[in-house]
């Protein structure tokens, strides 16, 4: 099966804004300094415990421990595989990344 290269995955992780992705899914996020916070969708959360770093393009919940990149966010919020999450992100961003069968690809 064809695989994504490390460069292709890094492009997805850096070029797709996690903040914009989360907002597009209808979540209410609030600015807190250079970061953003929101109630975590992965557990019952009465106060905002999920922090989103716009500079690092990562999320981390201090309540349940869920964390990751835009790829992880899509996998967890949509319940899809790693490969499917990458394909969703590429399609949404209009990216045309080719997959390879080469050694060292993910």
PDB file of N, CA and C in Angstrom:
ATOM      1  N   UNK A   1       0.834  -1.171   0.000  1.00  0.00           N
ATOM      2  CA  UNK A   1       0.000   0.000   0.000  1.00  0.00           C
ATOM      3  C   UNK A   1       0.886   1.245   0.000  1.00  0.00           C
ATOM      4  N   UNK A   2       0.495   2.230  -0.754  1.00  0.00           N
ATOM      5  CA  UNK A   2       1.233   3.480  -0.824  1.00  0.00           C
ATOM      6  C   UNK A   2       1.191   4.195   0.520  1.00  0.00           C
ATOM      7  N   UNK A   3       2.267   4.916   0.822  1.00  0.00           N
ATOM      8  CA  UNK A   3       2.377   5.588   2.117  1.00  0.00           C
ATOM      9  C   UNK A   3       2.725   7.060   1.927  1.00  0.00           C
ATOM     10  N   UNK A   4       2.441   7.856   2.965  1.00  0.00           N
ATOM     11  CA  UNK A   4       2.803   9.266   2.958  1.00  0.00           C
ATOM     12  C   UNK A   4       4.251   9.407   3.406  1.00  0.00           C
ATOM     13  N   UNK A   5       4.974  10.333   2.805  1.00  0.00           N
ATOM     14  CA  UNK A   5       6.354  10.578   3.229  1.00  0.00           C
ATOM     15  C   UNK A   5       6.352  11.495   4.449  1.00  0.00           C
ATOM     16  N   UNK A   6       7.456  11.538   5.147  1.00  0.00           N
ATOM     17  CA  UNK A   6       7.602  12.411   6.315  1.00  0.00           C
ATOM     18  C   UNK A   6       7.416  13.879   5.917  1.00  0.00           C
ATOM     19  N   UNK A   7       7.941  14.264   4.760  1.00  0.00           N
ATOM     20  CA  UNK A   7       7.774  15.635   4.268  1.00  0.00           C
ATOM     21  C   UNK A   7       6.306  15.968   4.043  1.00  0.00           C
ATOM     22  N   UNK A   8       5.572  15.055   3.467  1.00  0.00           N
ATOM     23  CA  UNK A   8       4.151  15.273   3.207  1.00  0.00           C
ATOM     24  C   UNK A   8       3.378  15.440   4.522  1.00  0.00           C
ATOM     25  N   UNK A   9       3.684  14.615   5.499  1.00  0.00           N
ATOM     26  CA  UNK A   9       3.006  14.700   6.793  1.00  0.00           C
ATOM     27  C   UNK A   9       3.358  16.006   7.497  1.00  0.00           C
ATOM     28  N   UNK A  10       4.620  16.411   7.421  1.00  0.00           N
ATOM     29  CA  UNK A  10       5.025  17.674   8.028  1.00  0.00           C
ATOM     30  C   UNK A  10       4.322  18.853   7.374  1.00  0.00           C
ATOM     31  N   UNK A  11       4.108  18.782   6.071  1.00  0.00           N
ATOM     32  CA  UNK A  11       3.388  19.836   5.361  1.00  0.00           C
ATOM     33  C   UNK A  11       1.961  19.935   5.872  1.00  0.00           C
ATOM     34  N   UNK A  12       1.297  18.812   6.030  1.00  0.00           N
ATOM     35  CA  UNK A  12      -0.068  18.813   6.578  1.00  0.00           C
ATOM     36  C   UNK A  12      -0.095  19.436   7.972  1.00  0.00           C
ATOM     37  N   UNK A  13       0.835  19.003   8.820  1.00  0.00           N
ATOM     38  CA  UNK A  13       0.857  19.462  10.206  1.00  0.00           C
ATOM     39  C   UNK A  13       1.175  20.943  10.341  1.00  0.00           C
ATOM     40  N   UNK A  14       1.946  21.480   9.414  1.00  0.00           N
ATOM     41  CA  UNK A  14       2.342  22.883   9.543  1.00  0.00           C
ATOM     42  C   UNK A  14       1.466  23.838   8.741  1.00  0.00           C
ATOM     43  N   UNK A  15       0.915  23.392   7.626  1.00  0.00           N
ATOM     44  CA  UNK A  15       0.189  24.301   6.734  1.00  0.00           C
ATOM     45  C   UNK A  15      -1.305  24.417   7.024  1.00  0.00           C
ATOM     46  N   UNK A  16      -1.858  23.494   7.773  1.00  0.00           N
ATOM     47  CA  UNK A  16      -3.288  23.548   8.080  1.00  0.00           C
ATOM     48  C   UNK A  16      -3.444  24.054   9.510  1.00  0.00           C
ATOM     49  N   UNK A  17      -4.098  25.197   9.652  1.00  0.00           N
ATOM     50  CA  UNK A  17      -4.271  25.820  10.954  1.00  0.00           C
ATOM     51  C   UNK A  17      -5.232  25.011  11.817  1.00  0.00           C
ATOM     52  N   UNK A  18      -4.734  24.568  12.970  1.00  0.00           N
ATOM     53  CA  UNK A  18      -5.574  23.826  13.907  1.00  0.00           C
ATOM     54  C   UNK A  18      -6.703  24.713  14.445  1.00  0.00           C
ATOM     55  N   UNK A  19      -6.397  25.970  14.721  1.00  0.00           N
ATOM     56  CA  UNK A  19      -7.421  26.903  15.212  1.00  0.00           C
ATOM     57  C   UNK A  19      -8.541  27.031  14.185  1.00  0.00           C
ATOM     58  N   UNK A  20      -8.190  27.243  12.937  1.00  0.00           N
ATOM     59  CA  UNK A  20      -9.188  27.389  11.875  1.00  0.00           C
ATOM     60  C   UNK A  20      -9.999  26.100  11.699  1.00  0.00           C
ATOM     61  N   UNK A  21      -9.324  24.958  11.779  1.00  0.00           N
ATOM     62  CA  UNK A  21     -10.004  23.668  11.648  1.00  0.00           C
ATOM     63  C   UNK A  21     -11.034  23.481  12.761  1.00  0.00           C
ATOM     64  N   UNK A  22     -10.631  23.765  13.994  1.00  0.00           N
ATOM     65  CA  UNK A  22     -11.534  23.597  15.137  1.00  0.00           C
ATOM     66  C   UNK A  22     -12.725  24.544  15.010  1.00  0.00           C
ATOM     67  N   UNK A  23     -12.470  25.784  14.625  1.00  0.00           N
ATOM     68  CA  UNK A  23     -13.563  26.743  14.438  1.00  0.00           C
ATOM     69  C   UNK A  23     -14.500  26.300  13.326  1.00  0.00           C
ATOM     70  N   UNK A  24     -13.964  25.729  12.268  1.00  0.00           N
ATOM     71  CA  UNK A  24     -14.805  25.288  11.148  1.00  0.00           C
ATOM     72  C   UNK A  24     -15.724  24.136  11.540  1.00  0.00           C
ATOM     73  N   UNK A  25     -15.363  23.412  12.598  1.00  0.00           N
ATOM     74  CA  UNK A  25     -16.202  22.323  13.094  1.00  0.00           C
ATOM     75  C   UNK A  25     -17.264  22.827  14.075  1.00  0.00           C
ATOM     76  N   UNK A  26     -17.309  24.135  14.299  1.00  0.00           N
ATOM     77  CA  UNK A  26     -18.344  24.718  15.126  1.00  0.00           C
ATOM     78  C   UNK A  26     -18.023  24.833  16.607  1.00  0.00           C
ATOM     79  N   UNK A  27     -16.802  24.557  16.993  1.00  0.00           N
ATOM     80  CA  UNK A  27     -16.419  24.675  18.397  1.00  0.00           C
ATOM     81  C   UNK A  27     -16.178  26.137  18.751  1.00  0.00           C
ATOM     82  N   UNK A  28     -16.539  26.488  19.974  1.00  0.00           N
ATOM     83  CA  UNK A  28     -16.344  27.844  20.480  1.00  0.00           C
ATOM     84  C   UNK A  28     -15.013  27.907  21.219  1.00  0.00           C
ATOM     85  N   UNK A  29     -14.043  28.626  20.651  1.00  0.00           N
ATOM     86  CA  UNK A  29     -12.747  28.771  21.303  1.00  0.00           C
ATOM     87  C   UNK A  29     -12.567  30.224  21.725  1.00  0.00           C
ATOM     88  N   UNK A  30     -11.793  30.423  22.783  1.00  0.00           N
ATOM     89  CA  UNK A  30     -11.539  31.760  23.306  1.00  0.00           C
ATOM     90  C   UNK A  30     -10.049  32.023  23.333  1.00  0.00           C
ATOM     91  N   UNK A  31      -9.685  33.237  22.969  1.00  0.00           N
ATOM     92  CA  UNK A  31      -8.287  33.643  22.994  1.00  0.00           C
ATOM     93  C   UNK A  31      -7.818  33.794  24.436  1.00  0.00           C
ATOM     94  N   UNK A  32      -6.639  33.268  24.708  1.00  0.00           N
ATOM     95  CA  UNK A  32      -6.017  33.397  26.024  1.00  0.00           C
ATOM     96  C   UNK A  32      -4.536  33.660  25.806  1.00  0.00           C
ATOM     97  N   UNK A  33      -4.187  34.941  25.725  1.00  0.00           N
ATOM     98  CA  UNK A  33      -2.813  35.304  25.388  1.00  0.00           C
ATOM     99  C   UNK A  33      -2.530  34.921  23.953  1.00  0.00           C
ATOM    100  N   UNK A  34      -1.424  34.231  23.718  1.00  0.00           N
ATOM    101  CA  UNK A  34      -1.096  33.793  22.354  1.00  0.00           C
ATOM    102  C   UNK A  34      -1.753  32.461  21.998  1.00  0.00           C
ATOM    103  N   UNK A  35      -2.395  31.832  22.977  1.00  0.00           N
ATOM    104  CA  UNK A  35      -3.047  30.541  22.765  1.00  0.00           C
ATOM    105  C   UNK A  35      -4.566  30.685  22.802  1.00  0.00           C
ATOM    106  N   UNK A  36      -5.249  29.562  22.645  1.00  0.00           N
ATOM    107  CA  UNK A  36      -6.706  29.519  22.705  1.00  0.00           C
ATOM    108  C   UNK A  36      -7.111  28.411  23.656  1.00  0.00           C
ATOM    109  N   UNK A  37      -8.295  28.550  24.255  1.00  0.00           N
ATOM    110  CA  UNK A  37      -8.818  27.526  25.157  1.00  0.00           C
ATOM    111  C   UNK A  37     -10.263  27.212  24.785  1.00  0.00           C
ATOM    112  N   UNK A  38     -10.690  26.035  25.169  1.00  0.00           N
ATOM    113  CA  UNK A  38     -12.078  25.620  24.944  1.00  0.00           C
ATOM    114  C   UNK A  38     -12.401  24.456  25.867  1.00  0.00           C
ATOM    115  N   UNK A  39     -13.699  24.170  26.013  1.00  0.00           N
ATOM    116  CA  UNK A  39     -14.102  22.964  26.730  1.00  0.00           C
ATOM    117  C   UNK A  39     -13.708  21.768  25.869  1.00  0.00           C
ATOM    118  N   UNK A  40     -13.147  20.777  26.490  1.00  0.00           N
ATOM    119  CA  UNK A  40     -12.659  19.606  25.767  1.00  0.00           C
ATOM    120  C   UNK A  40     -13.824  18.748  25.263  1.00  0.00           C
ATOM    121  N   UNK A  41     -13.820  18.411  23.970  1.00  0.00           N
ATOM    122  CA  UNK A  41     -14.891  17.563  23.440  1.00  0.00           C
ATOM    123  C   UNK A  41     -14.672  16.069  23.728  1.00  0.00           C
ATOM    124  N   UNK A  42     -13.544  15.721  24.339  1.00  0.00           N
ATOM    125  CA  UNK A  42     -13.209  14.315  24.555  1.00  0.00           C
ATOM    126  C   UNK A  42     -13.594  13.808  25.943  1.00  0.00           C
ATOM    127  N   UNK A  43     -14.040  14.704  26.813  1.00  0.00           N
ATOM    128  CA  UNK A  43     -14.540  14.300  28.131  1.00  0.00           C
ATOM    129  C   UNK A  43     -15.524  15.357  28.625  1.00  0.00           C
ATOM    130  N   UNK A  44     -16.284  15.028  29.663  1.00  0.00           N
ATOM    131  CA  UNK A  44     -17.243  15.959  30.244  1.00  0.00           C
ATOM    132  C   UNK A  44     -16.458  17.079  30.924  1.00  0.00           C
ATOM    133  N   UNK A  45     -16.559  18.283  30.377  1.00  0.00           N
ATOM    134  CA  UNK A  45     -15.705  19.380  30.791  1.00  0.00           C
ATOM    135  C   UNK A  45     -16.546  20.604  31.131  1.00  0.00           C
ATOM    136  N   UNK A  46     -16.576  20.999  32.408  1.00  0.00           N
ATOM    137  CA  UNK A  46     -17.360  22.157  32.834  1.00  0.00           C
ATOM    138  C   UNK A  46     -16.617  23.470  32.619  1.00  0.00           C
ATOM    139  N   UNK A  47     -15.288  23.426  32.642  1.00  0.00           N
ATOM    140  CA  UNK A  47     -14.482  24.622  32.412  1.00  0.00           C
ATOM    141  C   UNK A  47     -13.459  24.322  31.317  1.00  0.00           C
ATOM    142  N   UNK A  48     -13.041  25.337  30.574  1.00  0.00           N
ATOM    143  CA  UNK A  48     -12.088  25.105  29.472  1.00  0.00           C
ATOM    144  C   UNK A  48     -10.775  24.493  29.961  1.00  0.00           C
ATOM    145  N   UNK A  49     -10.497  23.285  29.530  1.00  0.00           N
ATOM    146  CA  UNK A  49      -9.249  22.621  29.914  1.00  0.00           C
ATOM    147  C   UNK A  49      -8.401  22.245  28.696  1.00  0.00           C
ATOM    148  N   UNK A  50      -8.931  22.474  27.494  1.00  0.00           N
ATOM    149  CA  UNK A  50      -8.187  22.144  26.280  1.00  0.00           C
ATOM    150  C   UNK A  50      -7.526  23.416  25.762  1.00  0.00           C
ATOM    151  N   UNK A  51      -6.207  23.371  25.638  1.00  0.00           N
ATOM    152  CA  UNK A  51      -5.441  24.521  25.166  1.00  0.00           C
ATOM    153  C   UNK A  51      -4.959  24.235  23.748  1.00  0.00           C
ATOM    154  N   UNK A  52      -5.059  25.252  22.897  1.00  0.00           N
ATOM    155  CA  UNK A  52      -4.626  25.147  21.504  1.00  0.00           C
ATOM    156  C   UNK A  52      -3.516  26.161  21.285  1.00  0.00           C
ATOM    157  N   UNK A  53      -2.365  25.686  20.874  1.00  0.00           N
ATOM    158  CA  UNK A  53      -1.241  26.564  20.581  1.00  0.00           C
ATOM    159  C   UNK A  53      -1.246  26.877  19.093  1.00  0.00           C
ATOM    160  N   UNK A  54      -1.490  28.149  18.768  1.00  0.00           N
ATOM    161  CA  UNK A  54      -1.498  28.523  17.351  1.00  0.00           C
ATOM    162  C   UNK A  54      -0.074  28.591  16.793  1.00  0.00           C
ATOM    163  N   UNK A  55       0.918  28.841  17.644  1.00  0.00           N
ATOM    164  CA  UNK A  55       2.295  28.903  17.165  1.00  0.00           C
ATOM    165  C   UNK A  55       2.871  27.509  16.901  1.00  0.00           C
ATOM    166  N   UNK A  56       2.513  26.548  17.746  1.00  0.00           N
ATOM    167  CA  UNK A  56       3.002  25.179  17.563  1.00  0.00           C
ATOM    168  C   UNK A  56       2.036  24.318  16.763  1.00  0.00           C
ATOM    169  N   UNK A  57       0.788  24.807  16.592  1.00  0.00           N
ATOM    170  CA  UNK A  57      -0.257  24.086  15.874  1.00  0.00           C
ATOM    171  C   UNK A  57      -0.556  22.735  16.536  1.00  0.00           C
ATOM    172  N   UNK A  58      -0.661  22.753  17.876  1.00  0.00           N
ATOM    173  CA  UNK A  58      -0.921  21.559  18.670  1.00  0.00           C
ATOM    174  C   UNK A  58      -2.043  21.834  19.661  1.00  0.00           C
ATOM    175  N   UNK A  59      -2.687  20.757  20.133  1.00  0.00           N
ATOM    176  CA  UNK A  59      -3.685  20.880  21.200  1.00  0.00           C
ATOM    177  C   UNK A  59      -3.310  19.955  22.339  1.00  0.00           C
ATOM    178  N   UNK A  60      -3.757  20.338  23.561  1.00  0.00           N
ATOM    179  CA  UNK A  60      -3.505  19.522  24.737  1.00  0.00           C
ATOM    180  C   UNK A  60      -4.607  19.785  25.755  1.00  0.00           C
ATOM    181  N   UNK A  61      -5.208  18.711  26.250  1.00  0.00           N
ATOM    182  CA  UNK A  61      -6.215  18.834  27.293  1.00  0.00           C
ATOM    183  C   UNK A  61      -5.564  18.515  28.635  1.00  0.00           C
ATOM    184  N   UNK A  62      -5.693  19.451  29.571  1.00  0.00           N
ATOM    185  CA  UNK A  62      -5.128  19.251  30.898  1.00  0.00           C
ATOM    186  C   UNK A  62      -6.070  18.455  31.793  1.00  0.00           C
ATOM    187  N   UNK A  63      -7.257  18.132  31.292  1.00  0.00           N
ATOM    188  CA  UNK A  63      -8.211  17.326  32.051  1.00  0.00           C
ATOM    189  C   UNK A  63      -8.086  15.845  31.768  1.00  0.00           C
ATOM    190  N   UNK A  64      -8.111  15.484  30.475  1.00  0.00           N
ATOM    191  CA  UNK A  64      -8.103  14.052  30.117  1.00  0.00           C
ATOM    192  C   UNK A  64      -6.796  13.601  29.464  1.00  0.00           C
ATOM    193  N   UNK A  65      -5.940  14.550  29.085  1.00  0.00           N
ATOM    194  CA  UNK A  65      -4.649  14.184  28.515  1.00  0.00           C
ATOM    195  C   UNK A  65      -4.606  14.029  27.005  1.00  0.00           C
ATOM    196  N   UNK A  66      -5.738  14.182  26.317  1.00  0.00           N
ATOM    197  CA  UNK A  66      -5.723  14.099  24.851  1.00  0.00           C
ATOM    198  C   UNK A  66      -4.858  15.234  24.306  1.00  0.00           C
ATOM    199  N   UNK A  67      -4.087  14.918  23.265  1.00  0.00           N
ATOM    200  CA  UNK A  67      -3.218  15.930  22.681  1.00  0.00           C
ATOM    201  C   UNK A  67      -2.829  15.505  21.280  1.00  0.00           C
ATOM    202  N   UNK A  68      -2.277  16.451  20.518  1.00  0.00           N
ATOM    203  CA  UNK A  68      -1.772  16.094  19.200  1.00  0.00           C
ATOM    204  C   UNK A  68      -1.804  17.211  18.184  1.00  0.00           C
ATOM    205  N   UNK A  69      -1.746  16.798  16.929  1.00  0.00           N
ATOM    206  CA  UNK A  69      -1.666  17.676  15.774  1.00  0.00           C
ATOM    207  C   UNK A  69      -3.027  17.760  15.084  1.00  0.00           C
ATOM    208  N   UNK A  70      -3.070  18.444  13.955  1.00  0.00           N
ATOM    209  CA  UNK A  70      -4.317  18.514  13.181  1.00  0.00           C
ATOM    210  C   UNK A  70      -4.754  17.123  12.739  1.00  0.00           C
ATOM    211  N   UNK A  71      -3.817  16.258  12.443  1.00  0.00           N
ATOM    212  CA  UNK A  71      -4.151  14.889  12.030  1.00  0.00           C
ATOM    213  C   UNK A  71      -4.818  14.150  13.185  1.00  0.00           C
ATOM    214  N   UNK A  72      -4.243  14.279  14.378  1.00  0.00           N
ATOM    215  CA  UNK A  72      -4.831  13.641  15.567  1.00  0.00           C
ATOM    216  C   UNK A  72      -6.223  14.190  15.846  1.00  0.00           C
ATOM    217  N   UNK A  73      -6.401  15.504  15.672  1.00  0.00           N
ATOM    218  CA  UNK A  73      -7.710  16.123  15.914  1.00  0.00           C
ATOM    219  C   UNK A  73      -8.773  15.503  15.012  1.00  0.00           C
ATOM    220  N   UNK A  74      -8.469  15.367  13.729  1.00  0.00           N
ATOM    221  CA  UNK A  74      -9.434  14.788  12.790  1.00  0.00           C
ATOM    222  C   UNK A  74      -9.707  13.335  13.142  1.00  0.00           C
ATOM    223  N   UNK A  75      -8.663  12.576  13.466  1.00  0.00           N
ATOM    224  CA  UNK A  75      -8.849  11.175  13.839  1.00  0.00           C
ATOM    225  C   UNK A  75      -9.783  11.052  15.046  1.00  0.00           C
ATOM    226  N   UNK A  76      -9.567  11.889  16.056  1.00  0.00           N
ATOM    227  CA  UNK A  76     -10.317  11.778  17.311  1.00  0.00           C
ATOM    228  C   UNK A  76     -11.724  12.354  17.209  1.00  0.00           C
ATOM    229  N   UNK A  77     -11.894  13.456  16.493  1.00  0.00           N
ATOM    230  CA  UNK A  77     -13.228  14.058  16.417  1.00  0.00           C
ATOM    231  C   UNK A  77     -14.120  13.377  15.393  1.00  0.00           C
ATOM    232  N   UNK A  78     -13.521  12.763  14.360  1.00  0.00           N
ATOM    233  CA  UNK A  78     -14.330  12.119  13.326  1.00  0.00           C
ATOM    234  C   UNK A  78     -14.287  10.606  13.400  1.00  0.00           C
ATOM    235  N   UNK A  79     -13.457  10.055  14.272  1.00  0.00           N
ATOM    236  CA  UNK A  79     -13.384   8.612  14.440  1.00  0.00           C
ATOM    237  C   UNK A  79     -12.885   7.880  13.207  1.00  0.00           C
ATOM    238  N   UNK A  80     -11.853   8.446  12.563  1.00  0.00           N
ATOM    239  CA  UNK A  80     -11.326   7.851  11.333  1.00  0.00           C
ATOM    240  C   UNK A  80      -9.877   7.408  11.533  1.00  0.00           C
ATOM    241  N   UNK A  81      -9.375   6.647  10.592  1.00  0.00           N
ATOM    242  CA  UNK A  81      -7.999   6.163  10.642  1.00  0.00           C
ATOM    243  C   UNK A  81      -7.017   7.290  10.313  1.00  0.00           C
ATOM    244  N   UNK A  82      -5.750   7.034  10.578  1.00  0.00           N
ATOM    245  CA  UNK A  82      -4.694   7.996  10.265  1.00  0.00           C
ATOM    246  C   UNK A  82      -4.712   8.351   8.780  1.00  0.00           C
ATOM    247  N   UNK A  83      -4.747   7.348   7.943  1.00  0.00           N
ATOM    248  CA  UNK A  83      -4.738   7.569   6.492  1.00  0.00           C
ATOM    249  C   UNK A  83      -5.945   8.391   6.050  1.00  0.00           C
ATOM    250  N   UNK A  84      -7.121   8.038   6.557  1.00  0.00           N
ATOM    251  CA  UNK A  84      -8.340   8.761   6.177  1.00  0.00           C
ATOM    252  C   UNK A  84      -8.272  10.212   6.653  1.00  0.00           C
ATOM    253  N   UNK A  85      -7.756  10.436   7.857  1.00  0.00           N
ATOM    254  CA  UNK A  85      -7.616  11.800   8.380  1.00  0.00           C
ATOM    255  C   UNK A  85      -6.702  12.628   7.480  1.00  0.00           C
ATOM    256  N   UNK A  86      -5.598  12.048   7.036  1.00  0.00           N
ATOM    257  CA  UNK A  86      -4.685  12.753   6.126  1.00  0.00           C
ATOM    258  C   UNK A  86      -5.376  13.081   4.807  1.00  0.00           C
ATOM    259  N   UNK A  87      -6.135  12.147   4.290  1.00  0.00           N
ATOM    260  CA  UNK A  87      -6.854  12.379   3.030  1.00  0.00           C
ATOM    261  C   UNK A  87      -7.906  13.468   3.188  1.00  0.00           C
ATOM    262  N   UNK A  88      -8.625  13.477   4.319  1.00  0.00           N
ATOM    263  CA  UNK A  88      -9.623  14.518   4.587  1.00  0.00           C
ATOM    264  C   UNK A  88      -8.954  15.887   4.613  1.00  0.00           C
ATOM    265  N   UNK A  89      -7.845  15.989   5.334  1.00  0.00           N
ATOM    266  CA  UNK A  89      -7.137  17.268   5.436  1.00  0.00           C
ATOM    267  C   UNK A  89      -6.600  17.728   4.088  1.00  0.00           C
ATOM    268  N   UNK A  90      -6.051  16.797   3.311  1.00  0.00           N
ATOM    269  CA  UNK A  90      -5.534  17.157   1.984  1.00  0.00           C
ATOM    270  C   UNK A  90      -6.659  17.649   1.087  1.00  0.00           C
ATOM    271  N   UNK A  91      -7.781  16.966   1.093  1.00  0.00           N
ATOM    272  CA  UNK A  91      -8.923  17.377   0.268  1.00  0.00           C
ATOM    273  C   UNK A  91      -9.450  18.735   0.690  1.00  0.00           C
ATOM    274  N   UNK A  92      -9.613  18.941   1.994  1.00  0.00           N
ATOM    275  CA  UNK A  92     -10.130  20.209   2.495  1.00  0.00           C
ATOM    276  C   UNK A  92      -9.203  21.373   2.176  1.00  0.00           C
ATOM    277  N   UNK A  93      -7.911  21.121   2.183  1.00  0.00           N
ATOM    278  CA  UNK A  93      -6.938  22.182   1.928  1.00  0.00           C
ATOM    279  C   UNK A  93      -6.621  22.331   0.443  1.00  0.00           C
ATOM    280  N   UNK A  94      -7.175  21.451  -0.384  1.00  0.00           N
ATOM    281  CA  UNK A  94      -6.888  21.507  -1.811  1.00  0.00           C
ATOM    282  C   UNK A  94      -5.467  21.083  -2.135  1.00  0.00           C
ATOM    283  N   UNK A  95      -4.881  20.276  -1.260  1.00  0.00           N
ATOM    284  CA  UNK A  95      -3.504  19.817  -1.463  1.00  0.00           C
ATOM    285  C   UNK A  95      -3.516  18.574  -2.334  1.00  0.00           C
ATOM    286  N   UNK A  96      -2.509  18.449  -3.142  1.00  0.00           N
ATOM    287  CA  UNK A  96      -2.383  17.297  -4.020  1.00  0.00           C
ATOM    288  C   UNK A  96      -1.062  16.598  -3.710  1.00  0.00           C
ATOM    289  N   UNK A  97      -1.026  15.916  -2.572  1.00  0.00           N
ATOM    290  CA  UNK A  97       0.185  15.200  -2.192  1.00  0.00           C
ATOM    291  C   UNK A  97       0.142  13.780  -2.726  1.00  0.00           C
ATOM    292  N   UNK A  98       1.229  13.385  -3.342  1.00  0.00           N
ATOM    293  CA  UNK A  98       1.299  12.024  -3.868  1.00  0.00           C
ATOM    294  C   UNK A  98       1.845  11.097  -2.800  1.00  0.00           C
ATOM    295  N   UNK A  99       1.372   9.882  -2.801  1.00  0.00           N
ATOM    296  CA  UNK A  99       1.876   8.884  -1.860  1.00  0.00           C
ATOM    297  C   UNK A  99       2.930   8.037  -2.571  1.00  0.00           C
ATOM    298  N   UNK A 100       3.808   7.431  -1.774  1.00  0.00           N
ATOM    299  CA  UNK A 100       4.879   6.638  -2.366  1.00  0.00           C
ATOM    300  C   UNK A 100       4.857   5.231  -1.795  1.00  0.00           C
ATOM    301  N   UNK A 101       5.558   4.348  -2.448  1.00  0.00           N
ATOM    302  CA  UNK A 101       5.739   2.993  -1.953  1.00  0.00           C
ATOM    303  C   UNK A 101       7.141   2.826  -1.392  1.00  0.00           C
ATOM    304  N   UNK A 102       7.874   3.933  -1.283  1.00  0.00           N
ATOM    305  CA  UNK A 102       9.273   3.899  -0.893  1.00  0.00           C
ATOM    306  C   UNK A 102       9.517   3.531   0.533  1.00  0.00           C
ATOM    307  N   UNK A 103      10.750   3.121   0.809  1.00  0.00           N
ATOM    308  CA  UNK A 103      11.190   2.804   2.161  1.00  0.00           C
ATOM    309  C   UNK A 103      11.298   4.108   2.938  1.00  0.00           C
ATOM    310  N   UNK A 104      10.932   4.078   4.197  1.00  0.00           N
ATOM    311  CA  UNK A 104      11.016   5.253   5.033  1.00  0.00           C
ATOM    312  C   UNK A 104       9.767   6.095   5.020  1.00  0.00           C
ATOM    313  N   UNK A 105       8.808   5.730   4.241  1.00  0.00           N
ATOM    314  CA  UNK A 105       7.554   6.487   4.216  1.00  0.00           C
ATOM    315  C   UNK A 105       6.663   5.997   5.345  1.00  0.00           C
ATOM    316  N   UNK A 106       5.755   6.842   5.764  1.00  0.00           N
ATOM    317  CA  UNK A 106       4.839   6.485   6.847  1.00  0.00           C
ATOM    318  C   UNK A 106       3.482   6.140   6.337  1.00  0.00           C
TER     319      UNK A 106
END
